[in-house]
C-alpha atoms as a PDB file:
ATOM      1  CA  UNK A   1      30.276 -26.337 -14.500  1.00  0.00           C
ATOM      2  CA  UNK A   2      26.969 -28.186 -14.081  1.00  0.00           C
ATOM      3  CA  UNK A   3      27.239 -27.908 -10.297  1.00  0.00           C
ATOM      4  CA  UNK A   4      27.841 -24.163 -10.496  1.00  0.00           C
ATOM      5  CA  UNK A   5      24.719 -23.672 -12.647  1.00  0.00           C
ATOM      6  CA  UNK A   6      22.657 -25.697 -10.162  1.00  0.00           C
ATOM      7  CA  UNK A   7      23.868 -23.524  -7.269  1.00  0.00           C
ATOM      8  CA  UNK A   8      23.050 -20.368  -9.207  1.00  0.00           C
ATOM      9  CA  UNK A   9      19.642 -21.749 -10.130  1.00  0.00           C
ATOM     10  CA  UNK A  10      18.909 -22.708  -6.502  1.00  0.00           C
ATOM     11  CA  UNK A  11      19.944 -19.239  -5.378  1.00  0.00           C
ATOM     12  CA  UNK A  12      17.697 -17.656  -8.014  1.00  0.00           C
ATOM     13  CA  UNK A  13      14.763 -19.842  -6.995  1.00  0.00           C
ATOM     14  CA  UNK A  14      15.213 -18.815  -3.350  1.00  0.00           C
ATOM     15  CA  UNK A  15      15.361 -15.170  -4.396  1.00  0.00           C
ATOM     16  CA  UNK A  16      12.154 -15.568  -6.443  1.00  0.00           C
ATOM     17  CA  UNK A  17      10.398 -17.066  -3.413  1.00  0.00           C
ATOM     18  CA  UNK A  18      11.653 -14.241  -1.193  1.00  0.00           C
ATOM     19  CA  UNK A  19      10.570 -11.558  -3.696  1.00  0.00           C
ATOM     20  CA  UNK A  20       7.155 -13.172  -4.168  1.00  0.00           C
ATOM     21  CA  UNK A  21       6.620 -13.162  -0.409  1.00  0.00           C
ATOM     22  CA  UNK A  22       7.677  -9.505  -0.197  1.00  0.00           C
ATOM     23  CA  UNK A  23       5.401  -8.627  -3.099  1.00  0.00           C
ATOM     24  CA  UNK A  24       2.463 -10.384  -1.450  1.00  0.00           C
ATOM     25  CA  UNK A  25       3.065  -8.537   1.853  1.00  0.00           C
ATOM     26  CA  UNK A  26       3.329  -5.270  -0.048  1.00  0.00           C
ATOM     27  CA  UNK A  27       0.030  -5.915  -1.823  1.00  0.00           C
ATOM     28  CA  UNK A  28      -1.737  -6.643   1.489  1.00  0.00           C
ATOM     29  CA  UNK A  29      -0.415  -3.396   2.974  1.00  0.00           C
ATOM     30  CA  UNK A  30      -1.370  -1.430  -0.138  1.00  0.00           C
ATOM     31  CA  UNK A  31      -4.865  -2.902  -0.012  1.00  0.00           C
ATOM     32  CA  UNK A  32      -5.248  -1.810   3.630  1.00  0.00           C
ATOM     33  CA  UNK A  33      -4.240   1.749   2.734  1.00  0.00           C
ATOM     34  CA  UNK A  34      -6.626   1.740  -0.244  1.00  0.00           C
ATOM     35  CA  UNK A  35      -9.475   0.707   2.057  1.00  0.00           C
ATOM     36  CA  UNK A  36      -8.548   3.471   4.507  1.00  0.00           C
ATOM     37  CA  UNK A  37      -8.424   5.953   1.611  1.00  0.00           C
ATOM     38  CA  UNK A  38     -11.894   4.899   0.460  1.00  0.00           C
ATOM     39  CA  UNK A  39     -13.239   5.377   3.993  1.00  0.00           C
ATOM     40  CA  UNK A  40     -11.567   8.789   4.250  1.00  0.00           C
ATOM     41  CA  UNK A  41     -12.988   9.909   0.906  1.00  0.00           C
ATOM     42  CA  UNK A  42     -16.436   8.692   1.947  1.00  0.00           C
ATOM     43  CA  UNK A  43     -16.187  10.633   5.214  1.00  0.00           C
ATOM     44  CA  UNK A  44     -15.097  13.741   3.301  1.00  0.00           C
ATOM     45  CA  UNK A  45     -18.101  13.429   0.985  1.00  0.00           C
ATOM     46  CA  UNK A  46     -20.461  13.061   3.961  1.00  0.00           C
ATOM     47  CA  UNK A  47     -18.968  16.114   5.680  1.00  0.00           C
ATOM     48  CA  UNK A  48     -19.357  18.201   2.526  1.00  0.00           C
ATOM     49  CA  UNK A  49     -23.024  17.212   2.266  1.00  0.00           C
ATOM     50  CA  UNK A  50     -23.651  17.857   5.951  1.00  0.00           C
ATOM     51  CA  UNK A  51     -25.001  21.147   7.278  1.00  0.00           C
ATOM     52  CA  UNK A  52     -23.901  20.605  10.868  1.00  0.00           C
ATOM     53  CA  UNK A  53     -20.638  20.344  12.741  1.00  0.00           C
ATOM     54  CA  UNK A  54     -19.262  16.858  13.134  1.00  0.00           C
ATOM     55  CA  UNK A  55     -18.134  14.721  16.018  1.00  0.00           C
ATOM     56  CA  UNK A  56     -14.787  12.997  16.249  1.00  0.00           C
ATOM     57  CA  UNK A  57     -13.914   9.966  18.339  1.00  0.00           C
ATOM     58  CA  UNK A  58     -10.765  10.445  20.362  1.00  0.00           C
ATOM     59  CA  UNK A  59     -10.197   7.395  22.483  1.00  0.00           C
ATOM     60  CA  UNK A  60     -13.436   6.904  24.378  1.00  0.00           C
ATOM     61  CA  UNK A  61     -14.570  10.514  23.963  1.00  0.00           C
ATOM     62  CA  UNK A  62     -16.702  11.987  21.225  1.00  0.00           C
ATOM     63  CA  UNK A  63     -15.781  15.622  20.665  1.00  0.00           C
ATOM     64  CA  UNK A  64     -17.629  18.185  18.594  1.00  0.00           C
ATOM     65  CA  UNK A  65     -15.422  19.565  15.838  1.00  0.00           C
ATOM     66  CA  UNK A  66     -16.092  22.225  13.234  1.00  0.00           C
ATOM     67  CA  UNK A  67     -16.875  21.152   9.709  1.00  0.00           C
ATOM     68  CA  UNK A  68     -13.902  23.089   8.321  1.00  0.00           C
ATOM     69  CA  UNK A  69     -11.472  21.527  10.806  1.00  0.00           C
ATOM     70  CA  UNK A  70     -12.564  17.965  10.107  1.00  0.00           C
ATOM     71  CA  UNK A  71     -12.490  18.627   6.340  1.00  0.00           C
ATOM     72  CA  UNK A  72      -8.924  19.879   6.690  1.00  0.00           C
ATOM     73  CA  UNK A  73      -7.898  16.816   8.730  1.00  0.00           C
ATOM     74  CA  UNK A  74      -9.543  14.402   6.308  1.00  0.00           C
ATOM     75  CA  UNK A  75      -8.022  16.159   3.278  1.00  0.00           C
ATOM     76  CA  UNK A  76      -4.571  15.950   4.841  1.00  0.00           C
ATOM     77  CA  UNK A  77      -5.114  12.276   5.615  1.00  0.00           C
ATOM     78  CA  UNK A  78      -6.266  11.691   2.021  1.00  0.00           C
ATOM     79  CA  UNK A  79      -3.078  13.296   0.651  1.00  0.00           C
ATOM     80  CA  UNK A  80      -0.864  11.204   2.932  1.00  0.00           C
ATOM     81  CA  UNK A  81      -2.676   7.990   2.004  1.00  0.00           C
ATOM     82  CA  UNK A  82      -2.370   8.788  -1.708  1.00  0.00           C
ATOM     83  CA  UNK A  83       1.378   9.307  -1.283  1.00  0.00           C
ATOM     84  CA  UNK A  84       1.738   6.035   0.602  1.00  0.00           C
ATOM     85  CA  UNK A  85      -0.205   4.156  -2.076  1.00  0.00           C
ATOM     86  CA  UNK A  86       1.962   5.680  -4.827  1.00  0.00           C
ATOM     87  CA  UNK A  87       5.039   4.566  -2.902  1.00  0.00           C
ATOM     88  CA  UNK A  88       3.635   1.036  -2.633  1.00  0.00           C
ATOM     89  CA  UNK A  89       2.932   1.054  -6.381  1.00  0.00           C
ATOM     90  CA  UNK A  90       6.546   2.028  -7.110  1.00  0.00           C
ATOM     91  CA  UNK A  91       7.801  -0.775  -4.855  1.00  0.00           C
ATOM     92  CA  UNK A  92       5.347  -3.186  -6.462  1.00  0.00           C
ATOM     93  CA  UNK A  93       6.607  -2.273  -9.941  1.00  0.00           C
ATOM     94  CA  UNK A  94      10.237  -2.698  -8.871  1.00  0.00           C
ATOM     95  CA  UNK A  95       9.608  -6.108  -7.270  1.00  0.00           C
ATOM     96  CA  UNK A  96       7.581  -7.316 -10.256  1.00  0.00           C
ATOM     97  CA  UNK A  97      10.321  -6.314 -12.677  1.00  0.00           C
ATOM     98  CA  UNK A  98      12.988  -7.946 -10.504  1.00  0.00           C
ATOM     99  CA  UNK A  99      10.913 -11.133 -10.304  1.00  0.00           C
ATOM    100  CA  UNK A 100      10.474 -11.228 -14.071  1.00  0.00           C
ATOM    101  CA  UNK A 101      14.196 -10.711 -14.598  1.00  0.00           C
ATOM    102  CA  UNK A 102      15.142 -13.572 -12.255  1.00  0.00           C
ATOM    103  CA  UNK A 103      12.491 -15.895 -13.711  1.00  0.00           C
ATOM    104  CA  UNK A 104      13.952 -15.305 -17.187  1.00  0.00           C
ATOM    105  CA  UNK A 105      17.416 -16.109 -15.811  1.00  0.00           C
ATOM    106  CA  UNK A 106      16.128 -19.388 -14.372  1.00  0.00           C
ATOM    107  CA  UNK A 107      14.459 -20.351 -17.650  1.00  0.00           C
ATOM    108  CA  UNK A 108      17.577 -19.521 -19.672  1.00  0.00           C
ATOM    109  CA  UNK A 109      19.853 -21.639 -17.474  1.00  0.00           C
END
């Protein structure tokens, strides 16, 4: 019986390590999207305060684009980034809860 508990405990410890690594990767990705969201929101604010049309970099070209068009593109990007971040937060919550559950199992054994 002792041997069986040790195997279960070892398996749980490996799973905790795997989940912690996944959680850390998830947090790095979420942070990158949050930074991109902040930049997008900053660009949106600048466009709204601007009186002129804007320029957009496409590859090595800078193309003049109307203020309304760039606002639409940035708003769409902001919505997509918000959805991605919410998805990361759901995954983060799930992984955290799973980690807590397994840690309690390890402690109880």
